[in-house]
N, C-alpha and C. Protein backbone atom coordinates (compact mmCIF):
# COMPACT_ATOMS: atom_id res chain seq x y z
N MET A 1 131.07 94.76 108.27
CA MET A 1 132.06 94.69 107.14
C MET A 1 131.19 94.33 105.89
N PHE A 2 130.22 93.39 106.01
CA PHE A 2 129.35 93.04 104.81
C PHE A 2 128.58 94.20 104.33
N SER A 3 128.16 95.14 105.26
CA SER A 3 127.38 96.28 104.79
C SER A 3 128.22 97.19 103.94
N THR A 4 129.50 97.29 104.27
CA THR A 4 130.43 98.12 103.48
C THR A 4 130.62 97.35 102.07
N THR A 5 130.79 96.08 102.17
CA THR A 5 131.15 95.32 100.97
C THR A 5 129.93 95.07 100.02
N PHE A 6 128.74 94.73 100.65
CA PHE A 6 127.62 94.42 99.78
C PHE A 6 126.56 95.47 99.77
N GLY A 7 126.64 96.46 100.55
CA GLY A 7 125.58 97.48 100.64
C GLY A 7 124.75 97.26 102.01
N PRO A 8 123.87 98.21 102.24
CA PRO A 8 123.20 98.11 103.52
C PRO A 8 122.45 96.76 103.73
N TYR A 9 122.48 96.42 105.12
CA TYR A 9 121.80 95.29 105.42
C TYR A 9 120.36 95.36 104.98
N PRO A 10 119.78 94.25 104.39
CA PRO A 10 118.47 94.35 103.70
C PRO A 10 117.22 94.15 104.53
N PHE A 11 117.45 93.84 105.82
CA PHE A 11 116.26 93.61 106.67
C PHE A 11 116.27 94.38 107.97
N PRO A 12 115.17 94.49 108.60
CA PRO A 12 115.12 95.35 109.83
C PRO A 12 116.03 94.80 110.95
N GLY A 13 116.34 93.51 111.00
CA GLY A 13 117.12 92.95 112.08
C GLY A 13 117.71 91.60 111.69
N TYR A 14 118.49 91.06 112.61
CA TYR A 14 119.12 89.77 112.35
C TYR A 14 119.21 89.03 113.62
N SER A 15 118.55 87.89 113.71
CA SER A 15 118.53 87.06 114.95
C SER A 15 119.35 85.88 114.75
N VAL A 16 119.96 85.30 115.81
CA VAL A 16 120.68 84.08 115.75
C VAL A 16 120.11 83.18 116.86
N VAL A 17 119.88 81.93 116.43
CA VAL A 17 119.41 80.90 117.34
C VAL A 17 120.51 79.93 117.42
N VAL A 18 120.84 79.64 118.71
CA VAL A 18 121.92 78.56 118.99
C VAL A 18 121.20 77.39 119.75
N THR A 19 121.19 76.26 119.01
CA THR A 19 120.57 75.19 119.68
C THR A 19 121.45 74.46 120.65
N ASP A 20 121.04 73.75 121.54
CA ASP A 20 121.83 72.94 122.45
C ASP A 20 122.39 71.78 121.80
N ASP A 21 121.86 71.50 120.56
CA ASP A 21 122.31 70.28 119.87
C ASP A 21 123.56 70.64 119.03
N VAL A 22 124.21 69.58 118.67
CA VAL A 22 125.39 69.70 117.65
C VAL A 22 124.78 69.47 116.39
N LEU A 23 124.98 70.50 115.49
CA LEU A 23 124.42 70.41 114.13
C LEU A 23 125.55 70.29 113.09
N GLU A 24 125.25 69.50 112.03
CA GLU A 24 126.27 69.30 110.98
C GLU A 24 126.50 70.62 110.23
N ILE A 25 125.38 71.27 109.81
CA ILE A 25 125.42 72.54 109.19
C ILE A 25 124.46 73.46 109.75
N PRO A 26 124.80 74.80 109.64
CA PRO A 26 123.80 75.84 110.12
C PRO A 26 122.74 76.00 109.03
N LEU A 27 121.74 76.86 109.35
CA LEU A 27 120.66 77.11 108.44
C LEU A 27 120.25 78.58 108.59
N GLU A 28 119.96 79.19 107.44
CA GLU A 28 119.48 80.56 107.48
C GLU A 28 118.04 80.70 106.89
N ALA A 29 117.47 81.75 107.29
CA ALA A 29 116.10 82.21 106.74
C ALA A 29 116.11 83.76 106.78
N HIS A 30 115.08 84.38 106.36
CA HIS A 30 115.00 85.79 106.34
C HIS A 30 115.31 86.30 107.76
N GLY A 31 116.31 87.13 107.85
CA GLY A 31 116.69 87.77 109.16
C GLY A 31 117.00 86.85 110.28
N LEU A 32 117.38 85.60 110.06
CA LEU A 32 117.61 84.62 111.04
C LEU A 32 118.65 83.63 110.57
N ALA A 33 119.43 83.09 111.55
CA ALA A 33 120.31 81.99 111.24
C ALA A 33 120.27 81.10 112.50
N VAL A 34 120.31 79.73 112.26
CA VAL A 34 120.29 78.73 113.30
C VAL A 34 121.61 78.08 113.27
N PHE A 35 122.35 78.00 114.45
CA PHE A 35 123.57 77.33 114.60
C PHE A 35 123.57 76.31 115.72
N GLY A 36 124.27 75.27 115.58
CA GLY A 36 124.43 74.36 116.70
C GLY A 36 125.44 74.89 117.79
N ARG A 37 125.43 74.38 118.86
CA ARG A 37 126.37 74.80 119.91
C ARG A 37 127.89 74.57 119.44
N ASN A 38 128.04 73.68 118.60
CA ASN A 38 129.39 73.36 118.07
C ASN A 38 129.82 74.47 117.20
N HIS A 39 128.95 75.29 116.65
CA HIS A 39 129.34 76.37 115.73
C HIS A 39 129.81 77.60 116.42
N VAL A 40 129.44 77.73 117.74
CA VAL A 40 129.74 78.94 118.47
C VAL A 40 130.38 78.56 119.85
N ASP A 41 131.38 77.75 119.68
CA ASP A 41 132.05 77.22 120.84
C ASP A 41 133.17 78.05 121.50
N GLY A 42 133.40 79.21 120.86
CA GLY A 42 134.44 80.10 121.31
C GLY A 42 135.74 79.85 120.70
N ASN A 43 135.85 78.85 119.88
CA ASN A 43 137.15 78.49 119.28
C ASN A 43 137.31 79.06 117.89
N HIS A 44 136.33 79.67 117.36
CA HIS A 44 136.23 80.37 115.99
C HIS A 44 136.48 79.40 114.88
N GLY A 45 136.29 78.16 115.14
CA GLY A 45 136.43 77.13 114.02
C GLY A 45 135.30 77.18 112.99
N SER A 46 134.25 77.87 113.33
CA SER A 46 133.11 77.86 112.42
C SER A 46 132.86 79.35 111.94
N ASP A 47 133.73 80.22 112.08
CA ASP A 47 133.48 81.65 111.71
C ASP A 47 133.10 81.78 110.26
N ARG A 48 133.74 80.91 109.44
CA ARG A 48 133.39 80.96 107.96
C ARG A 48 131.96 80.65 107.78
N LEU A 49 131.42 79.67 108.52
CA LEU A 49 130.01 79.31 108.40
C LEU A 49 129.06 80.41 108.85
N ILE A 50 129.50 81.05 109.90
CA ILE A 50 128.69 82.20 110.47
C ILE A 50 128.71 83.31 109.40
N ALA A 51 129.81 83.57 108.72
CA ALA A 51 129.86 84.58 107.73
C ALA A 51 129.05 84.23 106.51
N HIS A 52 129.10 82.90 106.18
CA HIS A 52 128.30 82.29 105.02
C HIS A 52 126.85 82.58 105.25
N GLU A 53 126.39 82.24 106.43
CA GLU A 53 124.86 82.36 106.71
C GLU A 53 124.49 83.81 106.73
N LEU A 54 125.33 84.70 107.32
CA LEU A 54 124.94 86.05 107.28
C LEU A 54 124.90 86.58 105.89
N ALA A 55 125.82 86.22 105.00
CA ALA A 55 125.81 86.70 103.65
C ALA A 55 124.57 86.33 102.83
N HIS A 56 123.97 85.26 103.30
CA HIS A 56 122.66 84.87 102.72
C HIS A 56 121.56 85.95 102.85
N GLN A 57 121.75 86.79 103.80
CA GLN A 57 120.67 87.82 103.96
C GLN A 57 120.77 88.68 102.68
N TRP A 58 121.81 88.90 102.11
CA TRP A 58 121.91 89.67 100.89
C TRP A 58 121.65 88.70 99.71
N PHE A 59 122.37 87.55 99.66
CA PHE A 59 122.35 86.69 98.54
C PHE A 59 121.61 85.40 98.85
N GLY A 60 120.31 85.42 98.60
CA GLY A 60 119.46 84.31 98.92
C GLY A 60 118.09 84.77 99.56
N ASN A 61 118.19 85.71 100.42
CA ASN A 61 117.02 86.22 101.04
C ASN A 61 116.55 87.63 100.42
N SER A 62 117.49 88.52 100.24
CA SER A 62 117.00 89.80 99.62
C SER A 62 117.06 89.57 98.08
N LEU A 63 118.22 89.07 97.59
CA LEU A 63 118.27 88.69 96.16
C LEU A 63 118.08 87.18 96.11
N THR A 64 116.98 86.72 95.53
CA THR A 64 116.64 85.32 95.46
C THR A 64 116.65 84.84 94.06
N SER A 65 117.21 83.70 93.84
CA SER A 65 117.31 83.14 92.51
C SER A 65 115.89 82.81 92.00
N ALA A 66 115.63 83.33 90.82
CA ALA A 66 114.32 83.13 90.17
C ALA A 66 114.00 81.64 89.91
N ALA A 67 115.10 80.87 89.62
CA ALA A 67 115.00 79.50 89.29
C ALA A 67 116.08 78.73 90.08
N TRP A 68 115.82 77.44 90.37
CA TRP A 68 116.85 76.63 91.14
C TRP A 68 118.13 76.48 90.38
N ARG A 69 118.08 76.49 89.10
CA ARG A 69 119.25 76.31 88.29
C ARG A 69 120.30 77.40 88.55
N ASP A 70 119.90 78.51 89.05
CA ASP A 70 120.80 79.68 89.39
C ASP A 70 121.21 79.61 90.85
N ILE A 71 121.16 78.53 91.49
CA ILE A 71 121.39 78.52 92.93
C ILE A 71 122.85 79.00 93.26
N TRP A 72 123.76 78.88 92.26
CA TRP A 72 125.08 79.37 92.46
C TRP A 72 125.11 80.90 92.85
N LEU A 73 124.11 81.70 92.44
CA LEU A 73 124.04 83.05 92.77
C LEU A 73 123.86 83.29 94.28
N GLN A 74 123.24 82.34 94.85
CA GLN A 74 123.16 82.33 96.38
C GLN A 74 124.32 81.70 97.02
N GLU A 75 124.61 80.46 96.66
CA GLU A 75 125.64 79.73 97.39
C GLU A 75 127.14 80.16 97.00
N GLY A 76 127.34 80.51 95.67
CA GLY A 76 128.55 80.99 95.30
C GLY A 76 128.90 82.41 95.93
N PHE A 77 127.96 83.26 96.04
CA PHE A 77 128.15 84.54 96.70
C PHE A 77 128.40 84.35 98.26
N ALA A 78 127.67 83.39 98.84
CA ALA A 78 127.90 83.23 100.28
C ALA A 78 129.20 82.61 100.58
N CYS A 79 129.62 81.65 99.65
CA CYS A 79 130.93 81.08 99.78
C CYS A 79 132.02 82.13 99.56
N TYR A 80 131.87 82.99 98.61
CA TYR A 80 132.90 84.10 98.40
C TYR A 80 132.90 84.98 99.65
N ALA A 81 131.74 85.21 100.25
CA ALA A 81 131.68 86.05 101.44
C ALA A 81 132.62 85.43 102.49
N GLU A 82 132.65 84.08 102.63
CA GLU A 82 133.55 83.42 103.53
C GLU A 82 134.92 83.85 103.28
N TRP A 83 135.32 83.87 101.95
CA TRP A 83 136.67 84.19 101.60
C TRP A 83 137.03 85.63 101.97
N ILE A 84 136.09 86.53 101.67
CA ILE A 84 136.24 87.99 101.94
C ILE A 84 136.36 88.13 103.48
N TRP A 85 135.53 87.41 104.20
CA TRP A 85 135.49 87.52 105.67
C TRP A 85 136.90 87.07 106.20
N GLY A 86 137.41 85.94 105.67
CA GLY A 86 138.64 85.45 106.15
C GLY A 86 139.77 86.35 105.91
N GLU A 87 139.73 86.99 104.72
CA GLU A 87 140.78 88.06 104.38
C GLU A 87 140.67 89.20 105.43
N HIS A 88 139.48 89.68 105.69
CA HIS A 88 139.23 90.70 106.65
C HIS A 88 139.67 90.41 108.04
N ALA A 89 139.54 89.12 108.40
CA ALA A 89 139.83 88.71 109.80
C ALA A 89 141.35 88.31 109.88
N GLY A 90 142.15 88.53 108.82
CA GLY A 90 143.59 88.23 108.96
C GLY A 90 143.94 86.94 108.58
N GLY A 91 143.07 86.11 107.98
CA GLY A 91 143.37 84.73 107.47
C GLY A 91 143.92 84.82 106.11
N ARG A 92 143.62 83.77 105.33
CA ARG A 92 143.93 83.68 103.89
C ARG A 92 143.35 84.88 103.13
N THR A 93 144.01 85.32 102.11
CA THR A 93 143.41 86.35 101.21
C THR A 93 142.39 85.63 100.36
N ALA A 94 141.51 86.35 99.73
CA ALA A 94 140.62 85.78 98.84
C ALA A 94 141.35 85.11 97.68
N GLU A 95 142.38 85.67 97.23
CA GLU A 95 143.25 85.04 96.18
C GLU A 95 143.80 83.72 96.64
N GLN A 96 144.34 83.61 97.85
CA GLN A 96 144.80 82.39 98.41
C GLN A 96 143.67 81.33 98.52
N SER A 97 142.52 81.74 99.03
CA SER A 97 141.37 80.85 99.04
C SER A 97 141.00 80.33 97.75
N ALA A 98 140.99 81.18 96.71
CA ALA A 98 140.62 80.83 95.35
C ALA A 98 141.63 79.83 94.87
N MET A 99 142.81 79.93 94.97
CA MET A 99 143.90 79.08 94.57
C MET A 99 143.81 77.76 95.23
N TYR A 100 143.57 77.79 96.50
CA TYR A 100 143.43 76.54 97.30
C TYR A 100 142.20 75.74 96.81
N HIS A 101 141.02 76.35 96.76
CA HIS A 101 139.86 75.62 96.40
C HIS A 101 139.86 75.19 94.95
N ARG A 102 140.42 75.98 94.05
CA ARG A 102 140.53 75.53 92.67
C ARG A 102 141.41 74.33 92.56
N GLY A 103 142.53 74.25 93.35
CA GLY A 103 143.36 73.07 93.34
C GLY A 103 142.54 71.91 93.81
N ARG A 104 141.78 72.02 94.92
CA ARG A 104 140.96 70.87 95.41
C ARG A 104 139.89 70.42 94.42
N LEU A 105 139.33 71.39 93.63
CA LEU A 105 138.36 71.01 92.58
C LEU A 105 138.97 70.17 91.50
N GLU A 106 140.20 70.45 91.23
CA GLU A 106 140.88 69.66 90.14
C GLU A 106 140.81 68.13 90.34
N ALA A 107 140.78 67.78 91.71
CA ALA A 107 140.85 66.33 92.01
C ALA A 107 139.39 65.76 91.97
N GLN A 108 138.43 66.57 91.78
CA GLN A 108 137.04 66.12 91.73
C GLN A 108 136.49 65.84 90.26
N PRO A 109 135.48 65.14 90.06
CA PRO A 109 134.93 64.91 88.72
C PRO A 109 134.54 66.23 88.10
N GLN A 110 134.81 66.25 86.80
CA GLN A 110 134.47 67.50 86.06
C GLN A 110 133.20 67.29 85.27
N ASP A 111 132.08 66.92 86.00
CA ASP A 111 130.91 66.52 85.28
C ASP A 111 129.66 67.27 85.72
N LEU A 112 129.88 68.44 86.51
CA LEU A 112 128.84 69.15 87.04
C LEU A 112 128.69 70.50 86.32
N LEU A 113 127.46 70.75 85.83
CA LEU A 113 127.24 72.13 85.24
C LEU A 113 126.67 73.02 86.31
N VAL A 114 127.49 73.89 86.78
CA VAL A 114 127.10 74.80 87.90
C VAL A 114 125.93 75.60 87.56
N GLY A 115 125.70 76.06 86.29
CA GLY A 115 124.64 76.85 85.88
C GLY A 115 123.29 76.17 85.70
N ASP A 116 123.35 74.85 86.00
CA ASP A 116 122.00 74.04 86.03
C ASP A 116 122.36 72.69 86.55
N PRO A 117 122.70 72.63 87.89
CA PRO A 117 123.23 71.36 88.51
C PRO A 117 122.20 70.25 88.73
N GLY A 118 120.89 70.62 88.52
CA GLY A 118 119.82 69.59 88.70
C GLY A 118 119.49 69.46 90.23
N PRO A 119 118.38 68.83 90.53
CA PRO A 119 117.86 68.78 91.92
C PRO A 119 118.78 67.92 92.85
N HIS A 120 119.46 67.00 92.33
CA HIS A 120 120.31 66.15 93.22
C HIS A 120 121.65 66.78 93.48
N ASN A 121 122.07 67.72 92.72
CA ASN A 121 123.40 68.36 92.87
C ASN A 121 123.48 69.79 93.19
N MET A 122 122.23 70.38 93.45
CA MET A 122 122.23 71.87 93.57
C MET A 122 122.94 72.31 94.90
N PHE A 123 123.17 71.39 95.82
CA PHE A 123 123.93 71.82 96.99
C PHE A 123 125.29 71.07 97.09
N ASP A 124 125.68 70.62 95.90
CA ASP A 124 127.08 69.95 95.84
C ASP A 124 128.13 71.09 96.13
N ASP A 125 129.12 70.72 96.85
CA ASP A 125 130.12 71.74 97.19
C ASP A 125 130.80 72.40 95.91
N ARG A 126 130.76 71.69 94.85
CA ARG A 126 131.40 72.22 93.60
C ARG A 126 130.50 73.42 93.12
N VAL A 127 129.25 73.44 93.36
CA VAL A 127 128.42 74.63 92.99
C VAL A 127 128.88 75.83 93.75
N TYR A 128 129.12 75.65 95.07
CA TYR A 128 129.58 76.69 95.97
C TYR A 128 130.90 77.21 95.57
N LYS A 129 131.85 76.32 95.46
CA LYS A 129 133.20 76.73 95.18
C LYS A 129 133.44 77.33 93.78
N ARG A 130 132.83 76.64 92.77
CA ARG A 130 132.94 77.22 91.41
C ARG A 130 132.22 78.51 91.30
N GLY A 131 131.06 78.68 91.95
CA GLY A 131 130.43 79.91 91.96
C GLY A 131 131.29 81.02 92.61
N ALA A 132 131.89 80.71 93.73
CA ALA A 132 132.83 81.65 94.32
C ALA A 132 133.99 81.95 93.43
N LEU A 133 134.54 80.95 92.73
CA LEU A 133 135.67 81.16 91.83
C LEU A 133 135.28 82.03 90.62
N ALA A 134 134.02 81.85 90.16
CA ALA A 134 133.57 82.71 89.07
C ALA A 134 133.56 84.17 89.56
N LEU A 135 133.10 84.40 90.75
CA LEU A 135 133.14 85.81 91.32
C LEU A 135 134.54 86.35 91.44
N HIS A 136 135.42 85.45 91.88
CA HIS A 136 136.88 85.90 92.07
C HIS A 136 137.44 86.25 90.68
N ALA A 137 137.08 85.45 89.65
CA ALA A 137 137.60 85.75 88.31
C ALA A 137 137.04 87.04 87.86
N VAL A 138 135.77 87.34 88.11
CA VAL A 138 135.22 88.61 87.79
C VAL A 138 135.94 89.71 88.49
N ARG A 139 136.23 89.55 89.80
CA ARG A 139 136.93 90.58 90.62
C ARG A 139 138.28 90.83 90.00
N ARG A 140 139.03 89.75 89.64
CA ARG A 140 140.35 89.88 89.07
C ARG A 140 140.25 90.69 87.74
N SER A 141 139.24 90.40 86.99
CA SER A 141 139.04 91.13 85.72
C SER A 141 138.74 92.62 85.90
N LEU A 142 137.85 92.94 86.91
CA LEU A 142 137.42 94.35 87.06
C LEU A 142 138.31 95.13 87.98
N GLY A 143 139.02 94.53 88.81
CA GLY A 143 139.73 95.19 89.98
C GLY A 143 138.81 95.42 91.18
N ASP A 144 139.39 95.54 92.27
CA ASP A 144 138.64 95.65 93.55
C ASP A 144 137.65 96.78 93.64
N GLU A 145 137.99 97.89 93.25
CA GLU A 145 137.12 99.08 93.37
C GLU A 145 135.87 98.90 92.45
N VAL A 146 136.06 98.56 91.29
CA VAL A 146 134.91 98.39 90.33
C VAL A 146 134.12 97.17 90.77
N PHE A 147 134.72 96.10 91.19
CA PHE A 147 134.06 94.89 91.48
C PHE A 147 133.14 95.11 92.68
N PHE A 148 133.61 95.69 93.79
CA PHE A 148 132.78 95.89 94.95
C PHE A 148 131.69 97.02 94.76
N ASP A 149 132.11 97.98 94.00
CA ASP A 149 131.07 99.03 93.60
C ASP A 149 129.88 98.35 92.88
N THR A 150 130.29 97.40 91.93
CA THR A 150 129.27 96.73 91.18
C THR A 150 128.37 95.85 92.06
N LEU A 151 128.98 95.13 93.04
CA LEU A 151 128.16 94.29 93.97
C LEU A 151 127.20 95.13 94.69
N ARG A 152 127.64 96.30 95.24
CA ARG A 152 126.69 97.16 95.89
C ARG A 152 125.62 97.64 95.03
N ALA A 153 125.87 98.03 93.76
CA ALA A 153 124.91 98.46 92.81
C ALA A 153 123.95 97.27 92.46
N TRP A 154 124.45 96.03 92.40
CA TRP A 154 123.62 94.93 92.07
C TRP A 154 122.68 94.67 93.25
N THR A 155 123.04 94.67 94.45
CA THR A 155 122.22 94.42 95.63
C THR A 155 121.22 95.58 95.74
N ARG A 156 121.55 96.76 95.45
CA ARG A 156 120.67 97.96 95.50
C ARG A 156 119.61 97.79 94.47
N ALA A 157 119.99 97.51 93.30
CA ALA A 157 119.01 97.46 92.10
C ALA A 157 118.00 96.27 92.25
N ASN A 158 118.45 95.28 92.86
CA ASN A 158 117.61 94.06 92.94
C ASN A 158 117.08 93.72 94.38
N ARG A 159 117.21 94.68 95.32
CA ARG A 159 116.81 94.42 96.68
C ARG A 159 115.38 93.81 96.70
N HIS A 160 115.30 92.77 97.47
CA HIS A 160 114.00 92.06 97.67
C HIS A 160 113.35 91.54 96.36
N GLY A 161 114.24 91.19 95.42
CA GLY A 161 113.72 90.76 94.16
C GLY A 161 114.36 89.45 93.74
N LEU A 162 113.88 88.98 92.61
CA LEU A 162 114.40 87.67 91.98
C LEU A 162 115.46 88.03 90.90
N VAL A 163 116.45 87.19 90.91
CA VAL A 163 117.61 87.38 90.07
C VAL A 163 117.90 86.11 89.26
N SER A 164 118.70 86.24 88.18
CA SER A 164 119.10 85.10 87.40
C SER A 164 120.53 85.31 86.96
N THR A 165 121.12 84.30 86.48
CA THR A 165 122.52 84.47 85.90
C THR A 165 122.56 85.47 84.75
N ASP A 166 121.60 85.34 83.83
CA ASP A 166 121.58 86.23 82.73
C ASP A 166 121.47 87.63 83.18
N ALA A 167 120.53 87.96 84.16
CA ALA A 167 120.46 89.23 84.68
C ALA A 167 121.65 89.82 85.34
N PHE A 168 122.37 88.87 86.01
CA PHE A 168 123.72 89.27 86.72
C PHE A 168 124.64 89.68 85.58
N VAL A 169 124.79 88.80 84.55
CA VAL A 169 125.77 89.08 83.54
C VAL A 169 125.49 90.47 82.74
N GLU A 170 124.18 90.61 82.53
CA GLU A 170 123.86 91.81 81.84
C GLU A 170 124.05 93.08 82.74
N PHE A 171 123.68 92.95 83.95
CA PHE A 171 123.91 94.02 84.87
C PHE A 171 125.41 94.38 85.01
N VAL A 172 126.24 93.46 85.30
CA VAL A 172 127.65 93.68 85.44
C VAL A 172 128.25 94.29 84.15
N SER A 173 127.87 93.67 82.99
CA SER A 173 128.38 94.22 81.71
C SER A 173 128.04 95.69 81.48
N ILE A 174 126.85 96.01 81.73
CA ILE A 174 126.36 97.41 81.57
C ILE A 174 126.93 98.31 82.54
N HIS A 175 126.90 97.91 83.88
CA HIS A 175 127.44 98.76 84.96
C HIS A 175 128.93 99.05 84.78
N THR A 176 129.73 98.06 84.27
CA THR A 176 131.13 98.21 84.19
C THR A 176 131.64 98.54 82.79
N GLY A 177 130.82 98.25 81.79
CA GLY A 177 131.28 98.47 80.38
C GLY A 177 132.23 97.37 79.95
N SER A 178 132.29 96.30 80.80
CA SER A 178 133.22 95.25 80.43
C SER A 178 132.60 94.14 79.56
N GLY A 179 133.18 93.74 78.46
CA GLY A 179 132.67 92.69 77.66
C GLY A 179 133.19 91.33 78.03
N GLU A 180 134.05 91.36 79.07
CA GLU A 180 134.65 90.07 79.56
C GLU A 180 133.75 89.25 80.41
N ILE A 181 132.76 89.88 81.05
CA ILE A 181 131.99 89.15 82.13
C ILE A 181 131.22 87.95 81.57
N ARG A 182 130.64 88.03 80.36
CA ARG A 182 129.91 86.96 79.83
C ARG A 182 130.84 85.78 79.59
N ARG A 183 132.04 86.01 79.13
CA ARG A 183 133.05 84.96 78.79
C ARG A 183 133.44 84.30 80.15
N ILE A 184 133.71 85.06 81.17
CA ILE A 184 134.14 84.56 82.50
C ILE A 184 133.00 83.70 83.05
N ILE A 185 131.78 84.26 83.11
CA ILE A 185 130.69 83.43 83.67
C ILE A 185 130.45 82.15 82.86
N ASP A 186 130.57 82.24 81.59
CA ASP A 186 130.38 81.07 80.69
C ASP A 186 131.36 79.97 81.07
N ARG A 187 132.68 80.35 81.25
CA ARG A 187 133.67 79.36 81.48
C ARG A 187 133.44 78.66 82.87
N TRP A 188 133.07 79.49 83.80
CA TRP A 188 132.95 78.89 85.18
C TRP A 188 131.59 78.32 85.51
N ILE A 189 130.59 78.82 84.92
CA ILE A 189 129.18 78.36 85.21
C ILE A 189 128.56 77.43 84.20
N TYR A 190 128.85 77.67 82.96
CA TYR A 190 128.17 76.86 81.96
C TYR A 190 129.14 75.85 81.23
N ARG A 191 130.27 75.55 81.68
CA ARG A 191 131.15 74.54 81.22
C ARG A 191 131.44 73.58 82.35
N THR A 192 131.54 72.30 82.03
CA THR A 192 131.90 71.28 83.01
C THR A 192 133.44 71.34 83.33
N ALA A 193 134.21 71.58 82.31
CA ALA A 193 135.62 71.65 82.51
C ALA A 193 136.10 72.75 83.42
N LEU A 194 137.03 72.47 84.37
CA LEU A 194 137.43 73.50 85.31
C LEU A 194 138.42 74.48 84.70
N PRO A 195 138.09 75.79 84.58
CA PRO A 195 139.03 76.72 83.93
C PRO A 195 140.16 77.08 84.83
N LYS A 196 141.14 77.64 84.19
CA LYS A 196 142.24 78.23 84.97
C LYS A 196 141.80 79.65 85.57
N LEU A 197 142.38 80.06 86.57
CA LEU A 197 142.10 81.41 87.01
C LEU A 197 142.88 82.38 86.17
């Protein structure tokens, strides 16, 4: 499903290691993911995490942020992949996930700049969720066909390369001819206040 959504899988293979230990969070590397036995217990409670780590093969390992300040390009995309996977698997739609997580973010402090969260906050859940919400806002602006065509073009053009937020905005703007992308990314990534969808 991700190959259709994001473009061809970027590596020769994908291995999964399942430890006998219970792990709080899984971990990914090039062509590999490590899960605890609790993540693959047959109850499907961790499917979103499995989708998240797999999505990092495109966003994080093939397309790698050139600077840590742009970590949302990895974590926001992987989080959004969770929502797309959930929709594909018959769960919440991406729209429902976006509305749910935006509502949860309203209750949290509005003091994080997603576009440069700093070393202590780069893996703050708000980076993941606001990054995913930025992508959903772009999707809503472009429509599904153009949005997913653009993602495939983005992964193809930057395969095994370094990326930045500015490069993403420029690429999407040129590829789609939309002048709205810079404004959308600015609101979600470079402002602390939580925008409306």
